[in-house]
């Protein structure tokens, strides 16, 4: 069983909701336990976040036995007025990339600092 992740102090650029959504975008069949470990959250926090996302229509799931398969609504618009008009797909295009793509996007100078 995965233990409780170390707490993080200070601010971050990306919210826990965005991290969970990106983990699901990366693998629609991902387990809550694995999302929690990847995002450094508790399983209970991940469950609450998934519930929030489902309640507001950003995410849905189907159950097949013990496996959940999540479906993200890519055209759903982000909630904050500062991001008016930006879709979930726009956000995820920045967050869900493999490491080689990240290095290319940052350019040769920044890629070496990662």
C-alpha atoms as a PDB file:
ATOM      1  CA  UNK A   1       0.000   0.000   0.000  1.00  0.00           C
ATOM      2  CA  UNK A   2       1.235   3.490  -0.871  1.00  0.00           C
ATOM      3  CA  UNK A   3       1.934   5.677   2.158  1.00  0.00           C
ATOM      4  CA  UNK A   4       0.823   9.240   2.654  1.00  0.00           C
ATOM      5  CA  UNK A   5       2.933  11.545   0.488  1.00  0.00           C
ATOM      6  CA  UNK A   6       5.236  14.100   2.041  1.00  0.00           C
ATOM      7  CA  UNK A   7       3.472  17.419   2.554  1.00  0.00           C
ATOM      8  CA  UNK A   8       4.455  20.289   0.328  1.00  0.00           C
ATOM      9  CA  UNK A   9       4.830  23.784   1.670  1.00  0.00           C
ATOM     10  CA  UNK A  10       4.753  26.907  -0.420  1.00  0.00           C
ATOM     11  CA  UNK A  11       2.973  27.702  -3.603  1.00  0.00           C
ATOM     12  CA  UNK A  12       2.981  25.816  -6.906  1.00  0.00           C
ATOM     13  CA  UNK A  13       2.176  26.742 -10.497  1.00  0.00           C
ATOM     14  CA  UNK A  14      -0.244  23.888 -11.128  1.00  0.00           C
ATOM     15  CA  UNK A  15      -3.299  23.042  -8.991  1.00  0.00           C
ATOM     16  CA  UNK A  16      -4.007  19.561  -7.679  1.00  0.00           C
ATOM     17  CA  UNK A  17      -7.107  19.446  -9.894  1.00  0.00           C
ATOM     18  CA  UNK A  18      -4.968  20.069 -12.994  1.00  0.00           C
ATOM     19  CA  UNK A  19      -2.420  17.447 -11.899  1.00  0.00           C
ATOM     20  CA  UNK A  20      -5.142  14.814 -11.396  1.00  0.00           C
ATOM     21  CA  UNK A  21      -6.720  15.669 -14.753  1.00  0.00           C
ATOM     22  CA  UNK A  22      -3.323  15.378 -16.478  1.00  0.00           C
ATOM     23  CA  UNK A  23      -2.673  11.980 -14.841  1.00  0.00           C
ATOM     24  CA  UNK A  24      -6.030  10.756 -16.115  1.00  0.00           C
ATOM     25  CA  UNK A  25      -5.363  12.185 -19.588  1.00  0.00           C
ATOM     26  CA  UNK A  26      -2.103  10.251 -19.625  1.00  0.00           C
ATOM     27  CA  UNK A  27      -3.892   6.993 -18.724  1.00  0.00           C
ATOM     28  CA  UNK A  28      -7.726   6.848 -18.691  1.00  0.00           C
ATOM     29  CA  UNK A  29      -7.624   3.550 -16.753  1.00  0.00           C
ATOM     30  CA  UNK A  30      -5.276   4.797 -14.020  1.00  0.00           C
ATOM     31  CA  UNK A  31      -6.054   3.760 -10.434  1.00  0.00           C
ATOM     32  CA  UNK A  32      -6.735   6.343  -7.743  1.00  0.00           C
ATOM     33  CA  UNK A  33      -3.802   4.911  -5.792  1.00  0.00           C
ATOM     34  CA  UNK A  34      -1.475   5.564  -8.720  1.00  0.00           C
ATOM     35  CA  UNK A  35      -2.816   9.083  -9.277  1.00  0.00           C
ATOM     36  CA  UNK A  36      -2.246   9.824  -5.592  1.00  0.00           C
ATOM     37  CA  UNK A  37       1.353   8.602  -5.730  1.00  0.00           C
ATOM     38  CA  UNK A  38       2.089  10.474  -8.965  1.00  0.00           C
ATOM     39  CA  UNK A  39       0.513  13.744  -7.784  1.00  0.00           C
ATOM     40  CA  UNK A  40       1.816  13.431  -4.203  1.00  0.00           C
ATOM     41  CA  UNK A  41      -1.694  13.551  -2.776  1.00  0.00           C
ATOM     42  CA  UNK A  42      -3.664  11.259  -0.511  1.00  0.00           C
ATOM     43  CA  UNK A  43      -6.100   8.844  -2.097  1.00  0.00           C
ATOM     44  CA  UNK A  44      -8.930  10.634  -0.288  1.00  0.00           C
ATOM     45  CA  UNK A  45      -7.852  13.976  -1.813  1.00  0.00           C
ATOM     46  CA  UNK A  46      -7.807  12.398  -5.286  1.00  0.00           C
ATOM     47  CA  UNK A  47     -11.303  10.994  -4.730  1.00  0.00           C
ATOM     48  CA  UNK A  48     -12.566  14.474  -3.772  1.00  0.00           C
ATOM     49  CA  UNK A  49     -10.902  16.049  -6.807  1.00  0.00           C
ATOM     50  CA  UNK A  50     -12.370  13.442  -9.171  1.00  0.00           C
ATOM     51  CA  UNK A  51     -15.772  14.062  -7.602  1.00  0.00           C
ATOM     52  CA  UNK A  52     -15.373  17.827  -8.155  1.00  0.00           C
ATOM     53  CA  UNK A  53     -14.368  17.296 -11.788  1.00  0.00           C
ATOM     54  CA  UNK A  54     -17.269  14.915 -12.417  1.00  0.00           C
ATOM     55  CA  UNK A  55     -19.788  17.163 -10.681  1.00  0.00           C
ATOM     56  CA  UNK A  56     -18.838  20.109 -12.911  1.00  0.00           C
ATOM     57  CA  UNK A  57     -18.813  18.033 -16.111  1.00  0.00           C
ATOM     58  CA  UNK A  58     -15.084  17.964 -16.819  1.00  0.00           C
ATOM     59  CA  UNK A  59     -14.818  14.224 -16.294  1.00  0.00           C
ATOM     60  CA  UNK A  60     -16.980  11.098 -16.306  1.00  0.00           C
ATOM     61  CA  UNK A  61     -16.243   7.455 -15.710  1.00  0.00           C
ATOM     62  CA  UNK A  62     -17.553   4.014 -16.515  1.00  0.00           C
ATOM     63  CA  UNK A  63     -16.942   1.006 -14.348  1.00  0.00           C
ATOM     64  CA  UNK A  64     -15.931  -2.400 -15.735  1.00  0.00           C
ATOM     65  CA  UNK A  65     -15.520  -4.824 -12.860  1.00  0.00           C
ATOM     66  CA  UNK A  66     -12.993  -3.206 -10.548  1.00  0.00           C
ATOM     67  CA  UNK A  67     -11.615  -0.872 -13.198  1.00  0.00           C
ATOM     68  CA  UNK A  68     -12.721   2.699 -13.841  1.00  0.00           C
ATOM     69  CA  UNK A  69     -12.253   4.171 -17.285  1.00  0.00           C
ATOM     70  CA  UNK A  70     -12.305   7.956 -17.222  1.00  0.00           C
ATOM     71  CA  UNK A  71     -13.414  10.235 -20.025  1.00  0.00           C
ATOM     72  CA  UNK A  72     -12.325  13.872 -20.092  1.00  0.00           C
ATOM     73  CA  UNK A  73     -14.506  16.485 -21.812  1.00  0.00           C
ATOM     74  CA  UNK A  74     -11.810  18.232 -23.904  1.00  0.00           C
ATOM     75  CA  UNK A  75     -14.045  21.072 -25.133  1.00  0.00           C
ATOM     76  CA  UNK A  76     -15.196  22.102 -21.657  1.00  0.00           C
ATOM     77  CA  UNK A  77     -14.054  25.652 -20.883  1.00  0.00           C
ATOM     78  CA  UNK A  78     -11.828  26.371 -17.884  1.00  0.00           C
ATOM     79  CA  UNK A  79     -13.588  27.899 -14.879  1.00  0.00           C
ATOM     80  CA  UNK A  80     -11.556  30.971 -13.978  1.00  0.00           C
ATOM     81  CA  UNK A  81     -12.452  34.249 -15.766  1.00  0.00           C
ATOM     82  CA  UNK A  82      -8.776  34.840 -16.586  1.00  0.00           C
ATOM     83  CA  UNK A  83      -8.855  31.692 -18.743  1.00  0.00           C
ATOM     84  CA  UNK A  84     -12.200  32.518 -20.374  1.00  0.00           C
ATOM     85  CA  UNK A  85     -12.488  30.662 -23.653  1.00  0.00           C
ATOM     86  CA  UNK A  86      -9.604  28.254 -23.027  1.00  0.00           C
ATOM     87  CA  UNK A  87     -10.563  24.594 -23.152  1.00  0.00           C
ATOM     88  CA  UNK A  88      -9.456  21.641 -21.077  1.00  0.00           C
ATOM     89  CA  UNK A  89      -7.705  20.356 -24.203  1.00  0.00           C
ATOM     90  CA  UNK A  90      -5.579  23.535 -24.294  1.00  0.00           C
ATOM     91  CA  UNK A  91      -4.498  23.029 -20.700  1.00  0.00           C
ATOM     92  CA  UNK A  92      -3.770  19.339 -21.175  1.00  0.00           C
ATOM     93  CA  UNK A  93      -1.715  19.995 -24.309  1.00  0.00           C
ATOM     94  CA  UNK A  94       0.745  21.799 -22.031  1.00  0.00           C
ATOM     95  CA  UNK A  95       0.663  19.307 -19.159  1.00  0.00           C
ATOM     96  CA  UNK A  96       0.632  15.929 -20.908  1.00  0.00           C
ATOM     97  CA  UNK A  97       3.837  15.511 -22.848  1.00  0.00           C
ATOM     98  CA  UNK A  98       6.586  12.970 -22.700  1.00  0.00           C
ATOM     99  CA  UNK A  99       9.989  14.139 -21.533  1.00  0.00           C
ATOM    100  CA  UNK A 100      11.504  14.329 -25.038  1.00  0.00           C
ATOM    101  CA  UNK A 101       8.707  16.648 -26.184  1.00  0.00           C
ATOM    102  CA  UNK A 102       9.220  18.839 -23.123  1.00  0.00           C
ATOM    103  CA  UNK A 103      12.904  19.197 -23.947  1.00  0.00           C
ATOM    104  CA  UNK A 104      12.087  20.212 -27.538  1.00  0.00           C
ATOM    105  CA  UNK A 105       9.439  22.717 -26.409  1.00  0.00           C
ATOM    106  CA  UNK A 106      11.831  24.427 -24.006  1.00  0.00           C
ATOM    107  CA  UNK A 107      14.668  24.659 -26.462  1.00  0.00           C
ATOM    108  CA  UNK A 108      18.274  23.528 -26.022  1.00  0.00           C
ATOM    109  CA  UNK A 109      19.194  25.983 -23.252  1.00  0.00           C
ATOM    110  CA  UNK A 110      16.274  25.237 -20.927  1.00  0.00           C
ATOM    111  CA  UNK A 111      16.190  21.498 -21.689  1.00  0.00           C
ATOM    112  CA  UNK A 112      19.621  21.024 -20.134  1.00  0.00           C
ATOM    113  CA  UNK A 113      18.494  22.559 -16.848  1.00  0.00           C
ATOM    114  CA  UNK A 114      15.720  19.971 -16.355  1.00  0.00           C
END
